[in-house]
Amino acid sequence: PLDDGLMLWFPGPATATGEDLAELHLHGGRAVVAAVERALAAL
């Protein structure tokens, strides 16, 4: 487990970037953010 939070899914092109977009809403501690970023970089 990394964190218990919220997720949102925005299919493109009607998004802020014009692409498929996802948001992960997390607890804002440094360790939580760092762990999630490591998990993303591994994908």
ModelCIF file with pLDDT and N, C-alpha, C, O atoms, coordinates in Angstrom:
data_MODEL
#
_entry.id   MODEL 
#
_entity.id                         1 
_entity.type                       polymer 
_entity.pdbx_number_of_molecules   1 
#
_entity_poly.entity_id                      1 
_entity_poly.type                           'polypeptide(L)' 
_entity_poly.nstd_linkage                   no 
_entity_poly.nstd_monomer                   no 
_entity_poly.pdbx_seq_one_letter_code       PLDDGLMLWFPGPATATGEDLAELHLHGGRAVVAAVERALAAL 
_entity_poly.pdbx_seq_one_letter_code_can   PLDDGLMLWFPGPATATGEDLAELHLHGGRAVVAAVERALAAL 
_entity_poly.pdbx_strand_id                 A 
#
loop_
_entity_poly_seq.entity_id 
_entity_poly_seq.num 
_entity_poly_seq.mon_id 
_entity_poly_seq.hetero 
1 1  PRO n 
1 2  LEU n 
1 3  ASP n 
1 4  ASP n 
1 5  GLY n 
1 6  LEU n 
1 7  MET n 
1 8  LEU n 
1 9  TRP n 
1 10 PHE n 
1 11 PRO n 
1 12 GLY n 
1 13 PRO n 
1 14 ALA n 
1 15 THR n 
1 16 ALA n 
1 17 THR n 
1 18 GLY n 
1 19 GLU n 
1 20 ASP n 
1 21 LEU n 
1 22 ALA n 
1 23 GLU n 
1 24 LEU n 
1 25 HIS n 
1 26 LEU n 
1 27 HIS n 
1 28 GLY n 
1 29 GLY n 
1 30 ARG n 
1 31 ALA n 
1 32 VAL n 
1 33 VAL n 
1 34 ALA n 
1 35 ALA n 
1 36 VAL n 
1 37 GLU n 
1 38 ARG n 
1 39 ALA n 
1 40 LEU n 
1 41 ALA n 
1 42 ALA n 
1 43 LEU n 
#
_struct_asym.id          A 
_struct_asym.entity_id   1 
#
loop_
_ma_qa_metric.id 
_ma_qa_metric.mode 
_ma_qa_metric.name 
_ma_qa_metric.software_group_id 
_ma_qa_metric.type 
1 global pLDDT . pLDDT 
2 local  pLDDT . pLDDT 
#
_ma_qa_metric_global.metric_id      1 
_ma_qa_metric_global.metric_value   96.14 
_ma_qa_metric_global.model_id       1 
_ma_qa_metric_global.ordinal_id     1 
#
loop_
_ma_qa_metric_local.label_asym_id 
_ma_qa_metric_local.label_comp_id 
_ma_qa_metric_local.label_seq_id 
_ma_qa_metric_local.metric_id 
_ma_qa_metric_local.metric_value 
_ma_qa_metric_local.model_id 
_ma_qa_metric_local.ordinal_id 
A PRO 1  2 96.00 1 1  
A LEU 2  2 97.00 1 2  
A ASP 3  2 97.00 1 3  
A ASP 4  2 97.00 1 4  
A GLY 5  2 96.00 1 5  
A LEU 6  2 97.00 1 6  
A MET 7  2 97.00 1 7  
A LEU 8  2 97.00 1 8  
A TRP 9  2 97.00 1 9  
A PHE 10 2 97.00 1 10 
A PRO 11 2 97.00 1 11 
A GLY 12 2 93.00 1 12 
A PRO 13 2 94.00 1 13 
A ALA 14 2 93.00 1 14 
A THR 15 2 96.00 1 15 
A ALA 16 2 93.00 1 16 
A THR 17 2 95.00 1 17 
A GLY 18 2 96.00 1 18 
A GLU 19 2 96.00 1 19 
A ASP 20 2 97.00 1 20 
A LEU 21 2 97.00 1 21 
A ALA 22 2 97.00 1 22 
A GLU 23 2 97.00 1 23 
A LEU 24 2 97.00 1 24 
A HIS 25 2 97.00 1 25 
A LEU 26 2 97.00 1 26 
A HIS 27 2 96.00 1 27 
A GLY 28 2 94.00 1 28 
A GLY 29 2 95.00 1 29 
A ARG 30 2 95.00 1 30 
A ALA 31 2 97.00 1 31 
A VAL 32 2 97.00 1 32 
A VAL 33 2 96.00 1 33 
A ALA 34 2 96.00 1 34 
A ALA 35 2 97.00 1 35 
A VAL 36 2 97.00 1 36 
A GLU 37 2 96.00 1 37 
A ARG 38 2 96.00 1 38 
A ALA 39 2 97.00 1 39 
A LEU 40 2 97.00 1 40 
A ALA 41 2 96.00 1 41 
A ALA 42 2 96.00 1 42 
A LEU 43 2 96.00 1 43 
#
loop_
_atom_site.group_PDB 
_atom_site.id 
_atom_site.type_symbol 
_atom_site.label_atom_id 
_atom_site.label_alt_id 
_atom_site.label_comp_id 
_atom_site.label_asym_id 
_atom_site.label_entity_id 
_atom_site.label_seq_id 
_atom_site.pdbx_PDB_ins_code 
_atom_site.Cartn_x 
_atom_site.Cartn_y 
_atom_site.Cartn_z 
_atom_site.occupancy 
_atom_site.B_iso_or_equiv 
_atom_site.pdbx_formal_charge 
_atom_site.auth_seq_id 
_atom_site.auth_comp_id 
_atom_site.auth_asym_id 
_atom_site.auth_atom_id 
_atom_site.pdbx_PDB_model_num 
ATOM 1   N N  . PRO A 1 1  ? 0.823   -1.217 0.000   1.00 96.00 ? 1  PRO A N  1 
ATOM 2   C CA . PRO A 1 1  ? 0.000   0.000  0.000   1.00 96.00 ? 1  PRO A CA 1 
ATOM 3   C C  . PRO A 1 1  ? 0.854   1.263  0.000   1.00 96.00 ? 1  PRO A C  1 
ATOM 4   O O  . PRO A 1 1  ? 1.876   1.344  0.681   1.00 96.00 ? 1  PRO A O  1 
ATOM 5   N N  . LEU A 1 2  ? 0.412   2.239  -0.775  1.00 97.00 ? 2  LEU A N  1 
ATOM 6   C CA . LEU A 1 2  ? 1.086   3.541  -0.845  1.00 97.00 ? 2  LEU A CA 1 
ATOM 7   C C  . LEU A 1 2  ? 0.307   4.607  -0.085  1.00 97.00 ? 2  LEU A C  1 
ATOM 8   O O  . LEU A 1 2  ? 0.880   5.370  0.692   1.00 97.00 ? 2  LEU A O  1 
ATOM 9   N N  . ASP A 1 3  ? -1.014  4.653  -0.315  1.00 97.00 ? 3  ASP A N  1 
ATOM 10  C CA . ASP A 1 3  ? -1.838  5.665  0.346   1.00 97.00 ? 3  ASP A CA 1 
ATOM 11  C C  . ASP A 1 3  ? -3.309  5.357  0.087   1.00 97.00 ? 3  ASP A C  1 
ATOM 12  O O  . ASP A 1 3  ? -3.658  4.671  -0.874  1.00 97.00 ? 3  ASP A O  1 
ATOM 13  N N  . ASP A 1 4  ? -4.148  5.872  0.952   1.00 97.00 ? 4  ASP A N  1 
ATOM 14  C CA . ASP A 1 4  ? -5.596  5.776  0.803   1.00 97.00 ? 4  ASP A CA 1 
ATOM 15  C C  . ASP A 1 4  ? -6.083  7.166  0.408   1.00 97.00 ? 4  ASP A C  1 
ATOM 16  O O  . ASP A 1 4  ? -6.064  8.081  1.232   1.00 97.00 ? 4  ASP A O  1 
ATOM 17  N N  . GLY A 1 5  ? -6.520  7.338  -0.839  1.00 96.00 ? 5  GLY A N  1 
ATOM 18  C CA . GLY A 1 5  ? -6.873  8.666  -1.313  1.00 96.00 ? 5  GLY A CA 1 
ATOM 19  C C  . GLY A 1 5  ? -8.007  8.658  -2.314  1.00 96.00 ? 5  GLY A C  1 
ATOM 20  O O  . GLY A 1 5  ? -8.912  7.827  -2.237  1.00 96.00 ? 5  GLY A O  1 
ATOM 21  N N  . LEU A 1 6  ? -7.955  9.584  -3.254  1.00 97.00 ? 6  LEU A N  1 
ATOM 22  C CA . LEU A 1 6  ? -8.964  9.698  -4.293  1.00 97.00 ? 6  LEU A CA 1 
ATOM 23  C C  . LEU A 1 6  ? -8.297  9.650  -5.660  1.00 97.00 ? 6  LEU A C  1 
ATOM 24  O O  . LEU A 1 6  ? -7.137  10.028 -5.822  1.00 97.00 ? 6  LEU A O  1 
ATOM 25  N N  . MET A 1 7  ? -9.070  9.170  -6.652  1.00 97.00 ? 7  MET A N  1 
ATOM 26  C CA . MET A 1 7  ? -8.573  9.191  -8.023  1.00 97.00 ? 7  MET A CA 1 
ATOM 27  C C  . MET A 1 7  ? -9.646  9.758  -8.935  1.00 97.00 ? 7  MET A C  1 
ATOM 28  O O  . MET A 1 7  ? -10.840 9.602  -8.682  1.00 97.00 ? 7  MET A O  1 
ATOM 29  N N  . LEU A 1 8  ? -9.202  10.425 -10.012 1.00 97.00 ? 8  LEU A N  1 
ATOM 30  C CA . LEU A 1 8  ? -10.103 10.960 -11.021 1.00 97.00 ? 8  LEU A CA 1 
ATOM 31  C C  . LEU A 1 8  ? -9.578  10.618 -12.398 1.00 97.00 ? 8  LEU A C  1 
ATOM 32  O O  . LEU A 1 8  ? -8.370  10.583 -12.633 1.00 97.00 ? 8  LEU A O  1 
ATOM 33  N N  . TRP A 1 9  ? -10.525 10.361 -13.318 1.00 97.00 ? 9  TRP A N  1 
ATOM 34  C CA . TRP A 1 9  ? -10.166 9.977  -14.685 1.00 97.00 ? 9  TRP A CA 1 
ATOM 35  C C  . TRP A 1 9  ? -10.838 10.943 -15.663 1.00 97.00 ? 9  TRP A C  1 
ATOM 36  O O  . TRP A 1 9  ? -12.050 11.151 -15.613 1.00 97.00 ? 9  TRP A O  1 
ATOM 37  N N  . PHE A 1 10 ? -10.016 11.539 -16.567 1.00 97.00 ? 10 PHE A N  1 
ATOM 38  C CA . PHE A 1 10 ? -10.506 12.494 -17.561 1.00 97.00 ? 10 PHE A CA 1 
ATOM 39  C C  . PHE A 1 10 ? -10.067 12.027 -18.949 1.00 97.00 ? 10 PHE A C  1 
ATOM 40  O O  . PHE A 1 10 ? -8.924  12.260 -19.340 1.00 97.00 ? 10 PHE A O  1 
ATOM 41  N N  . PRO A 1 11 ? -10.954 11.374 -19.697 1.00 97.00 ? 11 PRO A N  1 
ATOM 42  C CA . PRO A 1 11 ? -10.558 10.937 -21.047 1.00 97.00 ? 11 PRO A CA 1 
ATOM 43  C C  . PRO A 1 11 ? -10.411 12.135 -21.981 1.00 97.00 ? 11 PRO A C  1 
ATOM 44  O O  . PRO A 1 11 ? -11.205 13.074 -21.933 1.00 97.00 ? 11 PRO A O  1 
ATOM 45  N N  . GLY A 1 12 ? -9.377  12.091 -22.839 1.00 93.00 ? 12 GLY A N  1 
ATOM 46  C CA . GLY A 1 12 ? -9.158  13.157 -23.814 1.00 93.00 ? 12 GLY A CA 1 
ATOM 47  C C  . GLY A 1 12 ? -10.163 13.075 -24.940 1.00 93.00 ? 12 GLY A C  1 
ATOM 48  O O  . GLY A 1 12 ? -10.866 12.071 -25.061 1.00 93.00 ? 12 GLY A O  1 
ATOM 49  N N  . PRO A 1 13 ? -10.253 14.116 -25.783 1.00 94.00 ? 13 PRO A N  1 
ATOM 50  C CA . PRO A 1 13 ? -9.374  15.298 -25.790 1.00 94.00 ? 13 PRO A CA 1 
ATOM 51  C C  . PRO A 1 13 ? -9.896  16.462 -24.979 1.00 94.00 ? 13 PRO A C  1 
ATOM 52  O O  . PRO A 1 13 ? -9.236  17.499 -24.907 1.00 94.00 ? 13 PRO A O  1 
ATOM 53  N N  . ALA A 1 14 ? -11.083 16.326 -24.353 1.00 93.00 ? 14 ALA A N  1 
ATOM 54  C CA . ALA A 1 14 ? -11.673 17.441 -23.609 1.00 93.00 ? 14 ALA A CA 1 
ATOM 55  C C  . ALA A 1 14 ? -11.081 17.505 -22.201 1.00 93.00 ? 14 ALA A C  1 
ATOM 56  O O  . ALA A 1 14 ? -11.801 17.377 -21.211 1.00 93.00 ? 14 ALA A O  1 
ATOM 57  N N  . THR A 1 15 ? -9.773  17.703 -22.122 1.00 96.00 ? 15 THR A N  1 
ATOM 58  C CA . THR A 1 15 ? -9.076  17.817 -20.845 1.00 96.00 ? 15 THR A CA 1 
ATOM 59  C C  . THR A 1 15 ? -8.159  19.031 -20.885 1.00 96.00 ? 15 THR A C  1 
ATOM 60  O O  . THR A 1 15 ? -8.043  19.702 -21.910 1.00 96.00 ? 15 THR A O  1 
ATOM 61  N N  . ALA A 1 16 ? -7.510  19.305 -19.761 1.00 93.00 ? 16 ALA A N  1 
ATOM 62  C CA . ALA A 1 16 ? -6.631  20.473 -19.677 1.00 93.00 ? 16 ALA A CA 1 
ATOM 63  C C  . ALA A 1 16 ? -5.485  20.386 -20.683 1.00 93.00 ? 16 ALA A C  1 
ATOM 64  O O  . ALA A 1 16 ? -5.064  21.404 -21.232 1.00 93.00 ? 16 ALA A O  1 
ATOM 65  N N  . THR A 1 17 ? -4.980  19.178 -20.927 1.00 95.00 ? 17 THR A N  1 
ATOM 66  C CA . THR A 1 17 ? -3.855  19.012 -21.846 1.00 95.00 ? 17 THR A CA 1 
ATOM 67  C C  . THR A 1 17 ? -4.275  18.561 -23.228 1.00 95.00 ? 17 THR A C  1 
ATOM 68  O O  . THR A 1 17 ? -3.456  18.556 -24.147 1.00 95.00 ? 17 THR A O  1 
ATOM 69  N N  . GLY A 1 18 ? -5.555  18.176 -23.402 1.00 96.00 ? 18 GLY A N  1 
ATOM 70  C CA . GLY A 1 18 ? -5.992  17.615 -24.679 1.00 96.00 ? 18 GLY A CA 1 
ATOM 71  C C  . GLY A 1 18 ? -5.693  16.136 -24.803 1.00 96.00 ? 18 GLY A C  1 
ATOM 72  O O  . GLY A 1 18 ? -5.943  15.544 -25.853 1.00 96.00 ? 18 GLY A O  1 
ATOM 73  N N  . GLU A 1 19 ? -5.159  15.523 -23.746 1.00 96.00 ? 19 GLU A N  1 
ATOM 74  C CA . GLU A 1 19 ? -4.811  14.091 -23.727 1.00 96.00 ? 19 GLU A CA 1 
ATOM 75  C C  . GLU A 1 19 ? -5.609  13.400 -22.620 1.00 96.00 ? 19 GLU A C  1 
ATOM 76  O O  . GLU A 1 19 ? -6.277  14.058 -21.823 1.00 96.00 ? 19 GLU A O  1 
ATOM 77  N N  . ASP A 1 20 ? -5.533  12.068 -22.581 1.00 97.00 ? 20 ASP A N  1 
ATOM 78  C CA . ASP A 1 20 ? -6.056  11.343 -21.429 1.00 97.00 ? 20 ASP A CA 1 
ATOM 79  C C  . ASP A 1 20 ? -5.332  11.849 -20.183 1.00 97.00 ? 20 ASP A C  1 
ATOM 80  O O  . ASP A 1 20 ? -4.119  12.056 -20.197 1.00 97.00 ? 20 ASP A O  1 
ATOM 81  N N  . LEU A 1 21 ? -6.097  12.044 -19.104 1.00 97.00 ? 21 LEU A N  1 
ATOM 82  C CA . LEU A 1 21 ? -5.534  12.676 -17.910 1.00 97.00 ? 21 LEU A CA 1 
ATOM 83  C C  . LEU A 1 21 ? -6.057  11.955 -16.671 1.00 97.00 ? 21 LEU A C  1 
ATOM 84  O O  . LEU A 1 21 ? -7.234  11.605 -16.595 1.00 97.00 ? 21 LEU A O  1 
ATOM 85  N N  . ALA A 1 22 ? -5.173  11.740 -15.708 1.00 97.00 ? 22 ALA A N  1 
ATOM 86  C CA . ALA A 1 22 ? -5.569  11.144 -14.431 1.00 97.00 ? 22 ALA A CA 1 
ATOM 87  C C  . ALA A 1 22 ? -4.996  11.987 -13.305 1.00 97.00 ? 22 ALA A C  1 
ATOM 88  O O  . ALA A 1 22 ? -3.934  12.594 -13.437 1.00 97.00 ? 22 ALA A O  1 
ATOM 89  N N  . GLU A 1 23 ? -5.725  12.012 -12.188 1.00 97.00 ? 23 GLU A N  1 
ATOM 90  C CA . GLU A 1 23 ? -5.239  12.709 -10.999 1.00 97.00 ? 23 GLU A CA 1 
ATOM 91  C C  . GLU A 1 23 ? -5.310  11.778 -9.803  1.00 97.00 ? 23 GLU A C  1 
ATOM 92  O O  . GLU A 1 23 ? -6.288  11.055 -9.611  1.00 97.00 ? 23 GLU A O  1 
ATOM 93  N N  . LEU A 1 24 ? -4.258  11.811 -9.005  1.00 97.00 ? 24 LEU A N  1 
ATOM 94  C CA . LEU A 1 24 ? -4.198  11.070 -7.753  1.00 97.00 ? 24 LEU A CA 1 
ATOM 95  C C  . LEU A 1 24 ? -4.187  12.092 -6.628  1.00 97.00 ? 24 LEU A C  1 
ATOM 96  O O  . LEU A 1 24 ? -3.263  12.900 -6.534  1.00 97.00 ? 24 LEU A O  1 
ATOM 97  N N  . HIS A 1 25 ? -5.204  12.065 -5.772  1.00 97.00 ? 25 HIS A N  1 
ATOM 98  C CA . HIS A 1 25 ? -5.294  12.981 -4.636  1.00 97.00 ? 25 HIS A CA 1 
ATOM 99  C C  . HIS A 1 25 ? -4.845  12.219 -3.393  1.00 97.00 ? 25 HIS A C  1 
ATOM 100 O O  . HIS A 1 25 ? -5.485  11.260 -2.962  1.00 97.00 ? 25 HIS A O  1 
ATOM 101 N N  . LEU A 1 26 ? -3.738  12.670 -2.838  1.00 97.00 ? 26 LEU A N  1 
ATOM 102 C CA . LEU A 1 26 ? -3.059  11.927 -1.781  1.00 97.00 ? 26 LEU A CA 1 
ATOM 103 C C  . LEU A 1 26 ? -2.976  12.743 -0.501  1.00 97.00 ? 26 LEU A C  1 
ATOM 104 O O  . LEU A 1 26 ? -3.241  13.945 -0.496  1.00 97.00 ? 26 LEU A O  1 
ATOM 105 N N  . HIS A 1 27 ? -2.598  12.063 0.599   1.00 96.00 ? 27 HIS A N  1 
ATOM 106 C CA . HIS A 1 27 ? -2.178  12.798 1.782   1.00 96.00 ? 27 HIS A CA 1 
ATOM 107 C C  . HIS A 1 27 ? -0.853  13.505 1.434   1.00 96.00 ? 27 HIS A C  1 
ATOM 108 O O  . HIS A 1 27 ? -0.007  12.956 0.728   1.00 96.00 ? 27 HIS A O  1 
ATOM 109 N N  . GLY A 1 28 ? -0.699  14.737 1.948   1.00 94.00 ? 28 GLY A N  1 
ATOM 110 C CA . GLY A 1 28 ? 0.383   15.584 1.451   1.00 94.00 ? 28 GLY A CA 1 
ATOM 111 C C  . GLY A 1 28 ? 1.714   15.476 2.155   1.00 94.00 ? 28 GLY A C  1 
ATOM 112 O O  . GLY A 1 28 ? 2.476   16.443 2.165   1.00 94.00 ? 28 GLY A O  1 
ATOM 113 N N  . GLY A 1 29 ? 2.024   14.337 2.745   1.00 95.00 ? 29 GLY A N  1 
ATOM 114 C CA . GLY A 1 29 ? 3.340   14.167 3.367   1.00 95.00 ? 29 GLY A CA 1 
ATOM 115 C C  . GLY A 1 29 ? 4.433   13.907 2.341   1.00 95.00 ? 29 GLY A C  1 
ATOM 116 O O  . GLY A 1 29 ? 4.161   13.375 1.264   1.00 95.00 ? 29 GLY A O  1 
ATOM 117 N N  . ARG A 1 30 ? 5.651   14.274 2.662   1.00 95.00 ? 30 ARG A N  1 
ATOM 118 C CA . ARG A 1 30 ? 6.770   14.085 1.726   1.00 95.00 ? 30 ARG A CA 1 
ATOM 119 C C  . ARG A 1 30 ? 6.961   12.618 1.371   1.00 95.00 ? 30 ARG A C  1 
ATOM 120 O O  . ARG A 1 30 ? 7.175   12.282 0.206   1.00 95.00 ? 30 ARG A O  1 
ATOM 121 N N  . ALA A 1 31 ? 6.885   11.751 2.361   1.00 97.00 ? 31 ALA A N  1 
ATOM 122 C CA . ALA A 1 31 ? 7.139   10.326 2.122   1.00 97.00 ? 31 ALA A CA 1 
ATOM 123 C C  . ALA A 1 31 ? 6.065   9.736  1.211   1.00 97.00 ? 31 ALA A C  1 
ATOM 124 O O  . ALA A 1 31 ? 6.370   8.915  0.346   1.00 97.00 ? 31 ALA A O  1 
ATOM 125 N N  . VAL A 1 32 ? 4.806   10.150 1.398   1.00 97.00 ? 32 VAL A N  1 
ATOM 126 C CA . VAL A 1 32 ? 3.722   9.644  0.557   1.00 97.00 ? 32 VAL A CA 1 
ATOM 127 C C  . VAL A 1 32 ? 3.954   10.043 -0.900  1.00 97.00 ? 32 VAL A C  1 
ATOM 128 O O  . VAL A 1 32 ? 3.882   9.206  -1.799  1.00 97.00 ? 32 VAL A O  1 
ATOM 129 N N  . VAL A 1 33 ? 4.232   11.324 -1.124  1.00 96.00 ? 33 VAL A N  1 
ATOM 130 C CA . VAL A 1 33 ? 4.444   11.815 -2.486  1.00 96.00 ? 33 VAL A CA 1 
ATOM 131 C C  . VAL A 1 33 ? 5.636   11.125 -3.125  1.00 96.00 ? 33 VAL A C  1 
ATOM 132 O O  . VAL A 1 33 ? 5.571   10.716 -4.284  1.00 96.00 ? 33 VAL A O  1 
ATOM 133 N N  . ALA A 1 34 ? 6.724   10.993 -2.377  1.00 96.00 ? 34 ALA A N  1 
ATOM 134 C CA . ALA A 1 34 ? 7.922   10.358 -2.915  1.00 96.00 ? 34 ALA A CA 1 
ATOM 135 C C  . ALA A 1 34 ? 7.663   8.904  -3.292  1.00 96.00 ? 34 ALA A C  1 
ATOM 136 O O  . ALA A 1 34 ? 8.132   8.435  -4.329  1.00 96.00 ? 34 ALA A O  1 
ATOM 137 N N  . ALA A 1 35 ? 6.913   8.188  -2.448  1.00 97.00 ? 35 ALA A N  1 
ATOM 138 C CA . ALA A 1 35 ? 6.632   6.784  -2.724  1.00 97.00 ? 35 ALA A CA 1 
ATOM 139 C C  . ALA A 1 35 ? 5.761   6.626  -3.972  1.00 97.00 ? 35 ALA A C  1 
ATOM 140 O O  . ALA A 1 35 ? 5.999   5.730  -4.782  1.00 97.00 ? 35 ALA A O  1 
ATOM 141 N N  . VAL A 1 36 ? 4.767   7.478  -4.130  1.00 97.00 ? 36 VAL A N  1 
ATOM 142 C CA . VAL A 1 36 ? 3.904   7.403  -5.306  1.00 97.00 ? 36 VAL A CA 1 
ATOM 143 C C  . VAL A 1 36 ? 4.688   7.754  -6.566  1.00 97.00 ? 36 VAL A C  1 
ATOM 144 O O  . VAL A 1 36 ? 4.510   7.112  -7.601  1.00 97.00 ? 36 VAL A O  1 
ATOM 145 N N  . GLU A 1 37 ? 5.547   8.755  -6.492  1.00 96.00 ? 37 GLU A N  1 
ATOM 146 C CA . GLU A 1 37 ? 6.351   9.126  -7.660  1.00 96.00 ? 37 GLU A CA 1 
ATOM 147 C C  . GLU A 1 37 ? 7.306   7.991  -8.050  1.00 96.00 ? 37 GLU A C  1 
ATOM 148 O O  . GLU A 1 37 ? 7.537   7.762  -9.237  1.00 96.00 ? 37 GLU A O  1 
ATOM 149 N N  . ARG A 1 38 ? 7.859   7.286  -7.067  1.00 96.00 ? 38 ARG A N  1 
ATOM 150 C CA . ARG A 1 38 ? 8.716   6.130  -7.376  1.00 96.00 ? 38 ARG A CA 1 
ATOM 151 C C  . ARG A 1 38 ? 7.918   5.046  -8.080  1.00 96.00 ? 38 ARG A C  1 
ATOM 152 O O  . ARG A 1 38 ? 8.394   4.438  -9.039  1.00 96.00 ? 38 ARG A O  1 
ATOM 153 N N  . ALA A 1 39 ? 6.705   4.806  -7.603  1.00 97.00 ? 39 ALA A N  1 
ATOM 154 C CA . ALA A 1 39 ? 5.854   3.779  -8.218  1.00 97.00 ? 39 ALA A CA 1 
ATOM 155 C C  . ALA A 1 39 ? 5.496   4.169  -9.649  1.00 97.00 ? 39 ALA A C  1 
ATOM 156 O O  . ALA A 1 39 ? 5.466   3.309  -10.530 1.00 97.00 ? 39 ALA A O  1 
ATOM 157 N N  . LEU A 1 40 ? 5.228   5.429  -9.891  1.00 97.00 ? 40 LEU A N  1 
ATOM 158 C CA . LEU A 1 40 ? 4.901   5.878  -11.240 1.00 97.00 ? 40 LEU A CA 1 
ATOM 159 C C  . LEU A 1 40 ? 6.105   5.755  -12.167 1.00 97.00 ? 40 LEU A C  1 
ATOM 160 O O  . LEU A 1 40 ? 5.977   5.297  -13.303 1.00 97.00 ? 40 LEU A O  1 
ATOM 161 N N  . ALA A 1 41 ? 7.268   6.162  -11.682 1.00 96.00 ? 41 ALA A N  1 
ATOM 162 C CA . ALA A 1 41 ? 8.483   6.104  -12.506 1.00 96.00 ? 41 ALA A CA 1 
ATOM 163 C C  . ALA A 1 41 ? 8.824   4.667  -12.892 1.00 96.00 ? 41 ALA A C  1 
ATOM 164 O O  . ALA A 1 41 ? 9.476   4.441  -13.911 1.00 96.00 ? 41 ALA A O  1 
ATOM 165 N N  . ALA A 1 42 ? 8.386   3.688  -12.083 1.00 96.00 ? 42 ALA A N  1 
ATOM 166 C CA . ALA A 1 42 ? 8.689   2.279  -12.366 1.00 96.00 ? 42 ALA A CA 1 
ATOM 167 C C  . ALA A 1 42 ? 7.779   1.698  -13.441 1.00 96.00 ? 42 ALA A C  1 
ATOM 168 O O  . ALA A 1 42 ? 8.062   0.624  -13.971 1.00 96.00 ? 42 ALA A O  1 
ATOM 169 N N  . LEU A 1 43 ? 6.696   2.387  -13.768 1.00 96.00 ? 43 LEU A N  1 
ATOM 170 C CA . LEU A 1 43 ? 5.782   1.879  -14.792 1.00 96.00 ? 43 LEU A CA 1 
ATOM 171 C C  . LEU A 1 43 ? 6.345   2.140  -16.180 1.00 96.00 ? 43 LEU A C  1 
ATOM 172 O O  . LEU A 1 43 ? 5.718   1.784  -17.178 1.00 96.00 ? 43 LEU A O  1 
#
